């Protein structure tokens, strides 16, 4: 085994380059399977579950990209509407 079997939420956050709060939300929503251990109820994520989660996210992203292809003109599109010329009278 290359690394530890179980990771803390902080460890998972480091792997995913996100916050512990975001990882906690993933766990509480059931998106990332975890177990609660000890009297203080500390969360642990099994390394294999984290890898499965990452692969699932890659698959979901691939599906999203396939269903929403990038269009070249999107690169220069601004979120705000075009400005109207000012009336100088």
Protein backbone atom coordinates (compact mmCIF):
# COMPACT_ATOMS: atom_id res chain seq x y z
CA UNK A 1 0.00 0.00 0.00
CA UNK A 2 1.49 3.33 -1.07
CA UNK A 3 -0.12 5.65 1.50
CA UNK A 4 -2.40 5.52 4.52
CA UNK A 5 -5.70 3.71 4.11
CA UNK A 6 -7.69 6.52 5.75
CA UNK A 7 -7.35 10.27 5.32
CA UNK A 8 -8.58 13.14 7.45
CA UNK A 9 -10.81 15.77 5.85
CA UNK A 10 -7.81 18.13 5.90
CA UNK A 11 -5.76 15.52 4.00
CA UNK A 12 -8.53 15.15 1.42
CA UNK A 13 -8.78 18.93 1.10
CA UNK A 14 -5.06 19.06 0.35
CA UNK A 15 -5.34 16.35 -2.31
CA UNK A 16 -8.29 18.10 -3.97
CA UNK A 17 -6.78 21.57 -3.45
CA UNK A 18 -9.90 22.84 -1.73
CA UNK A 19 -11.00 23.71 1.80
CA UNK A 20 -11.81 21.34 4.64
CA UNK A 21 -15.27 22.94 4.75
CA UNK A 22 -15.87 21.98 1.11
CA UNK A 23 -14.76 18.40 1.80
CA UNK A 24 -17.04 18.29 4.87
CA UNK A 25 -19.94 19.40 2.66
CA UNK A 26 -19.14 16.66 0.13
CA UNK A 27 -19.16 14.09 2.95
CA UNK A 28 -22.36 15.36 4.58
CA UNK A 29 -24.19 15.43 1.22
CA UNK A 30 -23.11 11.84 0.62
CA UNK A 31 -21.06 12.71 -2.47
CA UNK A 32 -17.86 11.44 -0.85
CA UNK A 33 -18.28 8.33 1.34
CA UNK A 34 -16.64 8.60 4.76
CA UNK A 35 -16.80 7.11 8.23
CA UNK A 36 -17.05 8.77 11.62
CA UNK A 37 -14.70 7.43 14.29
CA UNK A 38 -13.93 8.01 17.95
CA UNK A 39 -15.82 9.73 20.72
CA UNK A 40 -15.48 13.13 19.07
CA UNK A 41 -16.78 11.82 15.75
CA UNK A 42 -13.80 12.59 13.57
CA UNK A 43 -14.36 11.93 9.87
CA UNK A 44 -12.10 9.68 7.80
CA UNK A 45 -12.18 9.04 4.06
CA UNK A 46 -10.76 5.81 2.71
CA UNK A 47 -8.12 6.43 0.03
CA UNK A 48 -9.91 4.07 -2.37
CA UNK A 49 -13.17 6.03 -1.91
CA UNK A 50 -11.36 9.28 -2.67
CA UNK A 51 -9.90 7.80 -5.88
CA UNK A 52 -13.37 6.55 -6.90
CA UNK A 53 -14.80 10.01 -6.21
CA UNK A 54 -12.11 11.63 -8.38
CA UNK A 55 -12.82 9.21 -11.23
CA UNK A 56 -16.57 9.90 -10.89
CA UNK A 57 -15.91 13.64 -11.11
CA UNK A 58 -13.81 13.12 -14.25
CA UNK A 59 -16.66 11.12 -15.82
CA UNK A 60 -19.26 13.76 -14.87
CA UNK A 61 -17.04 16.51 -16.23
CA UNK A 62 -16.53 14.59 -19.47
CA UNK A 63 -20.31 14.20 -19.84
CA UNK A 64 -20.84 17.92 -19.15
CA UNK A 65 -18.22 18.91 -21.72
CA UNK A 66 -19.74 16.55 -24.30
CA UNK A 67 -23.22 17.98 -23.69
CA UNK A 68 -22.03 21.61 -23.59
CA UNK A 69 -19.32 21.99 -26.22
CA UNK A 70 -17.04 24.99 -26.05
CA UNK A 71 -17.72 27.54 -28.76
CA UNK A 72 -14.80 29.75 -29.86
CA UNK A 73 -16.89 32.92 -29.62
CA UNK A 74 -17.43 32.25 -25.88
CA UNK A 75 -13.84 33.24 -25.20
CA UNK A 76 -14.49 36.89 -26.03
CA UNK A 77 -18.04 37.14 -24.73
CA UNK A 78 -18.58 39.41 -21.75
CA UNK A 79 -21.16 38.62 -19.10
CA UNK A 80 -22.48 42.17 -19.22
CA UNK A 81 -24.60 43.49 -22.10
CA UNK A 82 -22.98 45.77 -24.68
CA UNK A 83 -22.80 49.41 -23.69
CA UNK A 84 -25.09 51.88 -25.38
CA UNK A 85 -23.52 55.02 -26.84
CA UNK A 86 -24.11 58.11 -24.71
CA UNK A 87 -26.35 60.81 -26.08
CA UNK A 88 -24.16 63.93 -26.31
CA UNK A 89 -26.93 66.45 -27.00
